Amino acid sequence: MHLKYLHQYPDHLQQSIISLVEKDKLSNYLLNRYPSIHDVVNDKLLRQYVQNMKNRYLKKSDPINQIQYDSKIHVINNALGQHQFTNRVQGKKLKRKNAIRISDLFKTAPEPFLEMIVAHELAHVKEKDHNKAFYKLCQHMSPDYFQLEFDVRVYLTQLDLFSCPYKA
């Protein structure tokens, strides 16, 4: 069995997930670790959630002009969220605009998954590349970042093979 979301992880981790899939226990794994979903279900609440996290960890960074769920972001495009930034010169001033879009599949996901993807996109406000400083910032905002990233990939596997284990 090929696990497209987990192929970069060590064989022993892939084998443990394959075993759960074969025993039809993958949803149990997710529900035991993350029993409920969050209530950040619309763009207004998402904006508030992102702003709170930004104000807590990135107070002095550029403002974020647009924050929204996006139904056009698909895992197929290798993205769960997007950070877009533009720089424009208006007169003698440089105007910067940041936008964060989060895949709408996170509307019915556990809150730690939303936290992880928001931390990832916020980290791009300061660090454009996926480098050591970027991941250090992700861990600062979400201390379990790497475990959550793995579990999000397990969740994507669940969605791909079966259905969403959470009821909205």
N, C-alpha and C. Protein backbone atom coordinates (compact mmCIF):
# COMPACT_ATOMS: atom_id res chain seq x y z
N MET A 1 0.85 -1.18 0.00
CA MET A 1 0.00 0.00 0.00
C MET A 1 0.89 1.24 0.00
N HIS A 2 0.56 2.17 -0.87
CA HIS A 2 1.30 3.43 -0.96
C HIS A 2 0.53 4.52 -0.21
N LEU A 3 1.20 5.17 0.73
CA LEU A 3 0.58 6.25 1.50
C LEU A 3 1.12 7.58 0.96
N LYS A 4 0.36 8.21 0.07
CA LYS A 4 0.88 9.39 -0.62
C LYS A 4 1.18 10.57 0.29
N TYR A 5 0.50 10.66 1.42
CA TYR A 5 0.74 11.78 2.33
C TYR A 5 1.84 11.49 3.34
N LEU A 6 2.25 10.24 3.42
CA LEU A 6 3.22 9.83 4.44
C LEU A 6 4.49 9.22 3.85
N HIS A 7 4.67 9.29 2.53
CA HIS A 7 5.77 8.59 1.89
C HIS A 7 7.16 9.07 2.32
N GLN A 8 7.27 10.29 2.85
CA GLN A 8 8.58 10.80 3.25
C GLN A 8 8.95 10.41 4.69
N TYR A 9 8.04 9.74 5.38
CA TYR A 9 8.30 9.31 6.76
C TYR A 9 8.97 7.94 6.77
N PRO A 10 9.66 7.62 7.87
CA PRO A 10 10.35 6.32 7.96
C PRO A 10 9.38 5.14 7.80
N ASP A 11 9.92 4.03 7.33
CA ASP A 11 9.11 2.83 7.07
C ASP A 11 8.32 2.36 8.28
N HIS A 12 8.93 2.43 9.47
CA HIS A 12 8.21 1.92 10.65
C HIS A 12 6.96 2.74 10.95
N LEU A 13 6.99 4.04 10.68
CA LEU A 13 5.79 4.87 10.88
C LEU A 13 4.74 4.56 9.80
N GLN A 14 5.20 4.40 8.58
CA GLN A 14 4.27 4.04 7.51
C GLN A 14 3.62 2.69 7.79
N GLN A 15 4.41 1.75 8.27
CA GLN A 15 3.87 0.42 8.56
C GLN A 15 2.82 0.47 9.67
N SER A 16 3.05 1.32 10.66
CA SER A 16 2.06 1.42 11.74
C SER A 16 0.73 1.97 11.21
N ILE A 17 0.79 2.91 10.28
CA ILE A 17 -0.44 3.46 9.69
C ILE A 17 -1.08 2.44 8.77
N ILE A 18 -0.30 1.73 7.98
CA ILE A 18 -0.84 0.67 7.12
C ILE A 18 -1.56 -0.37 7.96
N SER A 19 -0.98 -0.72 9.08
CA SER A 19 -1.60 -1.70 9.98
C SER A 19 -2.95 -1.20 10.48
N LEU A 20 -3.02 0.08 10.84
CA LEU A 20 -4.29 0.67 11.28
C LEU A 20 -5.32 0.67 10.15
N VAL A 21 -4.87 0.97 8.94
CA VAL A 21 -5.77 0.97 7.78
C VAL A 21 -6.32 -0.44 7.55
N GLU A 22 -5.43 -1.42 7.57
CA GLU A 22 -5.84 -2.81 7.30
C GLU A 22 -6.80 -3.33 8.36
N LYS A 23 -6.65 -2.87 9.58
CA LYS A 23 -7.54 -3.29 10.67
C LYS A 23 -8.77 -2.38 10.80
N ASP A 24 -8.89 -1.40 9.89
CA ASP A 24 -9.98 -0.44 9.92
C ASP A 24 -10.03 0.31 11.26
N LYS A 25 -8.84 0.71 11.75
CA LYS A 25 -8.73 1.40 13.04
C LYS A 25 -8.14 2.81 12.91
N LEU A 26 -7.99 3.29 11.69
CA LEU A 26 -7.38 4.60 11.50
C LEU A 26 -8.24 5.71 12.11
N SER A 27 -9.54 5.65 11.91
CA SER A 27 -10.41 6.67 12.49
C SER A 27 -10.38 6.61 14.02
N ASN A 28 -10.26 5.40 14.58
CA ASN A 28 -10.15 5.27 16.04
C ASN A 28 -8.88 5.95 16.56
N TYR A 29 -7.79 5.79 15.83
CA TYR A 29 -6.52 6.44 16.20
C TYR A 29 -6.73 7.95 16.28
N LEU A 30 -7.35 8.52 15.24
CA LEU A 30 -7.57 9.97 15.21
C LEU A 30 -8.53 10.42 16.31
N LEU A 31 -9.63 9.70 16.46
CA LEU A 31 -10.63 10.09 17.46
C LEU A 31 -10.11 9.96 18.88
N ASN A 32 -9.23 9.00 19.13
CA ASN A 32 -8.64 8.86 20.46
C ASN A 32 -7.66 10.00 20.76
N ARG A 33 -6.89 10.39 19.76
CA ARG A 33 -5.91 11.47 19.96
C ARG A 33 -6.57 12.85 19.94
N TYR A 34 -7.58 13.00 19.08
CA TYR A 34 -8.23 14.29 18.89
C TYR A 34 -9.75 14.06 18.87
N PRO A 35 -10.38 14.04 20.04
CA PRO A 35 -11.78 13.61 20.12
C PRO A 35 -12.81 14.57 19.54
N SER A 36 -12.47 15.84 19.37
CA SER A 36 -13.50 16.77 18.91
C SER A 36 -12.92 17.79 17.93
N ILE A 37 -13.82 18.45 17.22
CA ILE A 37 -13.41 19.47 16.27
C ILE A 37 -13.59 20.86 16.90
N HIS A 38 -13.01 21.84 16.26
CA HIS A 38 -13.10 23.23 16.75
C HIS A 38 -14.40 23.87 16.26
N ASP A 39 -14.63 25.10 16.69
CA ASP A 39 -15.83 25.82 16.25
C ASP A 39 -15.49 27.06 15.40
N VAL A 40 -14.30 27.05 14.80
CA VAL A 40 -13.88 28.14 13.92
C VAL A 40 -14.38 27.80 12.51
N VAL A 41 -15.66 28.04 12.28
CA VAL A 41 -16.31 27.49 11.09
C VAL A 41 -16.57 28.50 9.97
N ASN A 42 -16.22 29.76 10.19
CA ASN A 42 -16.42 30.74 9.11
C ASN A 42 -15.23 31.69 9.04
N ASP A 43 -15.22 32.52 8.02
CA ASP A 43 -14.08 33.41 7.80
C ASP A 43 -13.88 34.42 8.92
N LYS A 44 -14.97 34.91 9.49
CA LYS A 44 -14.87 35.88 10.59
C LYS A 44 -14.17 35.25 11.79
N LEU A 45 -14.59 34.05 12.16
CA LEU A 45 -13.96 33.36 13.29
C LEU A 45 -12.53 32.96 12.98
N LEU A 46 -12.27 32.59 11.72
CA LEU A 46 -10.90 32.25 11.32
C LEU A 46 -10.00 33.48 11.43
N ARG A 47 -10.50 34.61 10.97
CA ARG A 47 -9.71 35.85 11.07
C ARG A 47 -9.36 36.15 12.52
N GLN A 48 -10.33 36.02 13.40
CA GLN A 48 -10.09 36.26 14.82
C GLN A 48 -9.06 35.26 15.37
N TYR A 49 -9.18 34.00 15.00
CA TYR A 49 -8.26 32.95 15.45
C TYR A 49 -6.83 33.26 15.00
N VAL A 50 -6.68 33.60 13.72
CA VAL A 50 -5.35 33.90 13.17
C VAL A 50 -4.78 35.16 13.81
N GLN A 51 -5.61 36.19 13.94
CA GLN A 51 -5.14 37.45 14.54
C GLN A 51 -4.69 37.24 15.99
N ASN A 52 -5.44 36.44 16.74
CA ASN A 52 -5.04 36.15 18.13
C ASN A 52 -3.69 35.46 18.18
N MET A 53 -3.49 34.51 17.29
CA MET A 53 -2.22 33.79 17.25
C MET A 53 -1.09 34.73 16.79
N LYS A 54 -1.37 35.55 15.80
CA LYS A 54 -0.37 36.51 15.31
C LYS A 54 0.00 37.50 16.42
N ASN A 55 -1.01 38.02 17.13
CA ASN A 55 -0.74 38.98 18.20
C ASN A 55 0.04 38.35 19.35
N ARG A 56 -0.13 37.07 19.55
CA ARG A 56 0.59 36.39 20.61
C ARG A 56 2.05 36.13 20.24
N TYR A 57 2.31 35.76 19.00
CA TYR A 57 3.65 35.31 18.62
C TYR A 57 4.39 36.21 17.64
N LEU A 58 3.68 37.01 16.88
CA LEU A 58 4.32 37.83 15.85
C LEU A 58 3.84 39.28 15.92
N LYS A 59 3.92 39.87 17.09
CA LYS A 59 3.37 41.20 17.31
C LYS A 59 3.93 42.25 16.36
N LYS A 60 5.21 42.18 16.07
CA LYS A 60 5.86 43.23 15.29
C LYS A 60 5.93 42.92 13.79
N SER A 61 5.26 41.88 13.35
CA SER A 61 5.30 41.53 11.93
C SER A 61 4.28 42.36 11.15
N ASP A 62 4.39 42.29 9.84
CA ASP A 62 3.48 43.02 8.97
C ASP A 62 2.04 42.56 9.21
N PRO A 63 1.08 43.46 9.03
CA PRO A 63 -0.32 43.07 9.21
C PRO A 63 -0.76 42.08 8.13
N ILE A 64 -1.80 41.34 8.46
CA ILE A 64 -2.39 40.41 7.50
C ILE A 64 -3.70 41.03 7.04
N ASN A 65 -3.77 41.30 5.75
CA ASN A 65 -4.90 42.04 5.20
C ASN A 65 -6.10 41.16 4.88
N GLN A 66 -5.86 39.90 4.60
CA GLN A 66 -6.96 39.02 4.24
C GLN A 66 -6.72 37.64 4.84
N ILE A 67 -7.75 37.11 5.49
CA ILE A 67 -7.69 35.77 6.09
C ILE A 67 -9.01 35.10 5.76
N GLN A 68 -8.95 33.91 5.16
CA GLN A 68 -10.19 33.23 4.82
C GLN A 68 -9.98 31.75 4.57
N TYR A 69 -11.08 31.02 4.69
CA TYR A 69 -11.11 29.63 4.24
C TYR A 69 -11.24 29.67 2.72
N ASP A 70 -10.66 28.69 2.06
CA ASP A 70 -10.69 28.65 0.61
C ASP A 70 -11.02 27.24 0.14
N SER A 71 -12.13 27.10 -0.56
CA SER A 71 -12.53 25.78 -1.06
C SER A 71 -11.72 25.36 -2.27
N LYS A 72 -10.96 26.27 -2.85
CA LYS A 72 -10.17 25.96 -4.05
C LYS A 72 -8.79 25.39 -3.72
N ILE A 73 -8.38 25.50 -2.46
CA ILE A 73 -7.10 24.91 -2.07
C ILE A 73 -7.34 23.43 -1.87
N HIS A 74 -6.63 22.64 -2.61
CA HIS A 74 -6.80 21.20 -2.51
C HIS A 74 -5.49 20.54 -2.17
N VAL A 75 -5.59 19.45 -1.48
CA VAL A 75 -4.41 18.67 -1.13
C VAL A 75 -3.70 18.22 -2.39
N ILE A 76 -4.45 18.01 -3.46
CA ILE A 76 -3.86 17.58 -4.73
C ILE A 76 -2.82 18.59 -5.19
N ASN A 77 -3.06 19.85 -4.95
CA ASN A 77 -2.12 20.90 -5.32
C ASN A 77 -0.98 21.03 -4.32
N ASN A 78 -0.89 20.08 -3.41
CA ASN A 78 0.16 20.04 -2.41
C ASN A 78 0.10 21.23 -1.47
N ALA A 79 -1.10 21.68 -1.17
CA ALA A 79 -1.24 22.82 -0.27
C ALA A 79 -2.45 22.62 0.64
N LEU A 80 -2.27 22.98 1.89
CA LEU A 80 -3.36 22.98 2.86
C LEU A 80 -3.70 24.40 3.26
N GLY A 81 -2.79 25.27 2.94
CA GLY A 81 -2.96 26.68 3.20
C GLY A 81 -2.03 27.44 2.29
N GLN A 82 -2.26 28.72 2.16
CA GLN A 82 -1.40 29.55 1.33
C GLN A 82 -1.17 30.89 2.00
N HIS A 83 0.06 31.34 1.89
CA HIS A 83 0.40 32.68 2.32
C HIS A 83 0.80 33.43 1.06
N GLN A 84 0.14 34.52 0.80
CA GLN A 84 0.48 35.33 -0.36
C GLN A 84 0.88 36.71 0.13
N PHE A 85 1.91 37.25 -0.50
CA PHE A 85 2.31 38.59 -0.12
C PHE A 85 2.65 39.37 -1.40
N THR A 86 2.35 40.64 -1.34
CA THR A 86 2.68 41.52 -2.45
C THR A 86 3.30 42.79 -1.89
N ASN A 87 4.22 43.33 -2.64
CA ASN A 87 4.83 44.61 -2.33
C ASN A 87 4.50 45.56 -3.46
N ARG A 88 4.01 46.74 -3.11
CA ARG A 88 3.66 47.75 -4.11
C ARG A 88 4.23 49.09 -3.69
N VAL A 89 4.72 49.81 -4.66
CA VAL A 89 5.19 51.15 -4.38
C VAL A 89 4.06 52.11 -4.73
N GLN A 90 3.68 52.91 -3.73
CA GLN A 90 2.68 53.95 -3.94
C GLN A 90 3.32 55.27 -3.54
N GLY A 91 3.66 56.04 -4.56
CA GLY A 91 4.40 57.26 -4.30
C GLY A 91 5.80 56.90 -3.83
N LYS A 92 6.15 57.37 -2.63
CA LYS A 92 7.46 57.05 -2.07
C LYS A 92 7.37 55.98 -0.99
N LYS A 93 6.18 55.39 -0.84
CA LYS A 93 5.98 54.40 0.21
C LYS A 93 5.87 53.01 -0.38
N LEU A 94 6.40 52.04 0.36
CA LEU A 94 6.28 50.64 -0.01
C LEU A 94 5.12 50.05 0.78
N LYS A 95 4.12 49.56 0.09
CA LYS A 95 2.95 48.94 0.73
C LYS A 95 3.09 47.43 0.63
N ARG A 96 2.97 46.77 1.77
CA ARG A 96 3.01 45.31 1.80
C ARG A 96 1.64 44.78 2.17
N LYS A 97 1.24 43.75 1.47
CA LYS A 97 -0.04 43.11 1.78
C LYS A 97 0.20 41.62 1.94
N ASN A 98 -0.34 41.09 3.01
CA ASN A 98 -0.27 39.66 3.29
C ASN A 98 -1.68 39.09 3.29
N ALA A 99 -1.80 37.89 2.74
CA ALA A 99 -3.08 37.18 2.76
C ALA A 99 -2.82 35.74 3.16
N ILE A 100 -3.70 35.20 3.97
CA ILE A 100 -3.62 33.80 4.37
C ILE A 100 -4.92 33.13 4.00
N ARG A 101 -4.80 32.03 3.30
CA ARG A 101 -5.96 31.21 2.95
C ARG A 101 -5.73 29.81 3.49
N ILE A 102 -6.75 29.27 4.13
CA ILE A 102 -6.69 27.95 4.74
C ILE A 102 -7.70 27.05 4.02
N SER A 103 -7.30 25.86 3.68
CA SER A 103 -8.21 24.93 3.02
C SER A 103 -9.45 24.73 3.88
N ASP A 104 -10.61 24.72 3.24
CA ASP A 104 -11.85 24.58 3.99
C ASP A 104 -12.03 23.18 4.59
N LEU A 105 -11.17 22.24 4.26
CA LEU A 105 -11.27 20.93 4.92
C LEU A 105 -10.93 21.04 6.40
N PHE A 106 -10.30 22.14 6.80
CA PHE A 106 -9.99 22.36 8.22
C PHE A 106 -11.18 22.90 9.01
N LYS A 107 -12.29 23.16 8.35
CA LYS A 107 -13.49 23.59 9.07
C LYS A 107 -14.02 22.47 9.97
N THR A 108 -13.81 21.24 9.56
CA THR A 108 -14.29 20.09 10.34
C THR A 108 -13.12 19.23 10.79
N ALA A 109 -12.12 19.87 11.35
CA ALA A 109 -10.93 19.18 11.83
C ALA A 109 -10.71 19.54 13.30
N PRO A 110 -9.91 18.75 13.99
CA PRO A 110 -9.57 19.11 15.38
C PRO A 110 -8.82 20.44 15.44
N GLU A 111 -8.99 21.16 16.51
CA GLU A 111 -8.35 22.46 16.69
C GLU A 111 -6.82 22.40 16.58
N PRO A 112 -6.15 21.38 17.12
CA PRO A 112 -4.69 21.34 16.95
C PRO A 112 -4.24 21.30 15.48
N PHE A 113 -5.06 20.71 14.60
CA PHE A 113 -4.72 20.68 13.18
C PHE A 113 -4.81 22.09 12.59
N LEU A 114 -5.84 22.82 12.98
CA LEU A 114 -5.97 24.20 12.54
C LEU A 114 -4.82 25.04 13.08
N GLU A 115 -4.48 24.83 14.34
CA GLU A 115 -3.35 25.56 14.95
C GLU A 115 -2.07 25.32 14.16
N MET A 116 -1.82 24.07 13.79
CA MET A 116 -0.59 23.73 13.07
C MET A 116 -0.54 24.42 11.71
N ILE A 117 -1.64 24.39 10.96
CA ILE A 117 -1.62 24.99 9.62
C ILE A 117 -1.55 26.51 9.72
N VAL A 118 -2.20 27.09 10.72
CA VAL A 118 -2.12 28.55 10.91
C VAL A 118 -0.70 28.94 11.32
N ALA A 119 -0.08 28.18 12.20
CA ALA A 119 1.31 28.45 12.59
C ALA A 119 2.21 28.40 11.36
N HIS A 120 1.99 27.42 10.51
CA HIS A 120 2.79 27.28 9.29
C HIS A 120 2.64 28.51 8.39
N GLU A 121 1.41 28.93 8.17
CA GLU A 121 1.18 30.09 7.29
C GLU A 121 1.65 31.39 7.93
N LEU A 122 1.48 31.53 9.24
CA LEU A 122 1.99 32.73 9.92
C LEU A 122 3.52 32.78 9.87
N ALA A 123 4.16 31.64 9.98
CA ALA A 123 5.62 31.61 9.92
C ALA A 123 6.12 32.17 8.59
N HIS A 124 5.33 32.00 7.54
CA HIS A 124 5.72 32.54 6.23
C HIS A 124 5.70 34.07 6.21
N VAL A 125 5.01 34.69 7.14
CA VAL A 125 5.03 36.15 7.21
C VAL A 125 6.44 36.63 7.51
N LYS A 126 7.17 35.89 8.35
CA LYS A 126 8.54 36.27 8.70
C LYS A 126 9.59 35.54 7.87
N GLU A 127 9.35 34.27 7.60
CA GLU A 127 10.32 33.45 6.87
C GLU A 127 9.64 32.90 5.62
N LYS A 128 10.12 33.31 4.47
CA LYS A 128 9.48 32.90 3.21
C LYS A 128 9.81 31.44 2.86
N ASP A 129 11.00 30.99 3.19
CA ASP A 129 11.45 29.64 2.83
C ASP A 129 11.27 28.66 3.98
N HIS A 130 11.17 27.39 3.61
CA HIS A 130 11.11 26.32 4.62
C HIS A 130 12.53 25.99 5.07
N ASN A 131 13.05 26.83 5.94
CA ASN A 131 14.41 26.62 6.43
C ASN A 131 14.37 26.37 7.95
N LYS A 132 15.54 26.30 8.54
CA LYS A 132 15.63 26.00 9.97
C LYS A 132 14.90 27.05 10.81
N ALA A 133 15.08 28.32 10.47
CA ALA A 133 14.42 29.40 11.21
C ALA A 133 12.90 29.31 11.07
N PHE A 134 12.43 28.92 9.88
CA PHE A 134 11.00 28.77 9.65
C PHE A 134 10.42 27.72 10.58
N TYR A 135 11.02 26.54 10.63
CA TYR A 135 10.49 25.46 11.45
C TYR A 135 10.65 25.74 12.95
N LYS A 136 11.68 26.48 13.30
CA LYS A 136 11.84 26.89 14.70
C LYS A 136 10.70 27.82 15.10
N LEU A 137 10.31 28.72 14.21
CA LEU A 137 9.19 29.62 14.47
C LEU A 137 7.87 28.84 14.54
N CYS A 138 7.71 27.86 13.66
CA CYS A 138 6.50 27.01 13.71
C CYS A 138 6.41 26.32 15.07
N GLN A 139 7.53 25.78 15.56
CA GLN A 139 7.52 25.11 16.86
C GLN A 139 7.31 26.08 18.00
N HIS A 140 7.75 27.31 17.85
CA HIS A 140 7.51 28.32 18.88
C HIS A 140 6.00 28.57 19.02
N MET A 141 5.31 28.65 17.88
CA MET A 141 3.87 28.92 17.90
C MET A 141 3.06 27.68 18.23
N SER A 142 3.54 26.52 17.83
CA SER A 142 2.85 25.26 18.05
C SER A 142 3.88 24.22 18.48
N PRO A 143 4.11 24.09 19.79
CA PRO A 143 5.21 23.23 20.29
C PRO A 143 5.18 21.79 19.77
N ASP A 144 4.01 21.25 19.48
CA ASP A 144 3.91 19.89 18.95
C ASP A 144 3.82 19.90 17.42
N TYR A 145 4.39 20.89 16.80
CA TYR A 145 4.24 21.11 15.36
C TYR A 145 4.52 19.85 14.54
N PHE A 146 5.63 19.18 14.79
CA PHE A 146 6.00 18.04 13.94
C PHE A 146 5.07 16.85 14.15
N GLN A 147 4.64 16.62 15.38
CA GLN A 147 3.67 15.54 15.62
C GLN A 147 2.35 15.88 14.96
N LEU A 148 1.95 17.14 15.06
CA LEU A 148 0.69 17.56 14.43
C LEU A 148 0.76 17.47 12.91
N GLU A 149 1.90 17.81 12.35
CA GLU A 149 2.06 17.68 10.90
C GLU A 149 1.90 16.23 10.47
N PHE A 150 2.48 15.32 11.23
CA PHE A 150 2.32 13.89 10.95
C PHE A 150 0.85 13.49 11.06
N ASP A 151 0.21 13.90 12.14
CA ASP A 151 -1.19 13.52 12.36
C ASP A 151 -2.13 14.15 11.33
N VAL A 152 -1.81 15.34 10.85
CA VAL A 152 -2.60 15.92 9.76
C VAL A 152 -2.47 15.04 8.52
N ARG A 153 -1.29 14.53 8.27
CA ARG A 153 -1.10 13.64 7.12
C ARG A 153 -1.85 12.32 7.32
N VAL A 154 -1.93 11.86 8.55
CA VAL A 154 -2.73 10.67 8.85
C VAL A 154 -4.21 11.00 8.59
N TYR A 155 -4.64 12.18 9.02
CA TYR A 155 -6.02 12.63 8.79
C TYR A 155 -6.32 12.70 7.29
N LEU A 156 -5.39 13.22 6.51
CA LEU A 156 -5.58 13.28 5.06
C LEU A 156 -5.67 11.88 4.46
N THR A 157 -4.91 10.96 5.01
CA THR A 157 -4.99 9.57 4.57
C THR A 157 -6.37 9.01 4.87
N GLN A 158 -6.86 9.29 6.07
CA GLN A 158 -8.21 8.86 6.45
C GLN A 158 -9.25 9.42 5.47
N LEU A 159 -9.16 10.71 5.16
CA LEU A 159 -10.10 11.33 4.24
C LEU A 159 -10.01 10.73 2.84
N ASP A 160 -8.80 10.43 2.43
CA ASP A 160 -8.57 9.89 1.10
C ASP A 160 -9.10 8.46 0.97
N LEU A 161 -8.89 7.64 1.98
CA LEU A 161 -9.26 6.23 1.91
C LEU A 161 -10.69 5.95 2.37
N PHE A 162 -11.16 6.72 3.32
CA PHE A 162 -12.46 6.45 3.94
C PHE A 162 -13.31 7.70 3.91
N SER A 163 -13.60 8.25 5.07
CA SER A 163 -14.39 9.48 5.17
C SER A 163 -13.93 10.24 6.40
N CYS A 164 -14.51 11.39 6.60
CA CYS A 164 -14.16 12.20 7.75
C CYS A 164 -14.68 11.53 9.01
N PRO A 165 -13.81 11.30 10.01
CA PRO A 165 -14.28 10.66 11.25
C PRO A 165 -15.04 11.59 12.17
N TYR A 166 -15.06 12.88 11.84
CA TYR A 166 -15.71 13.88 12.68
C TYR A 166 -17.01 14.32 12.07
N LYS A 167 -17.99 14.54 12.90
CA LYS A 167 -19.27 15.07 12.45
C LYS A 167 -19.31 16.55 12.72
N ALA A 168 -19.67 17.31 11.72
CA ALA A 168 -19.69 18.79 11.87
C ALA A 168 -20.85 19.21 12.75
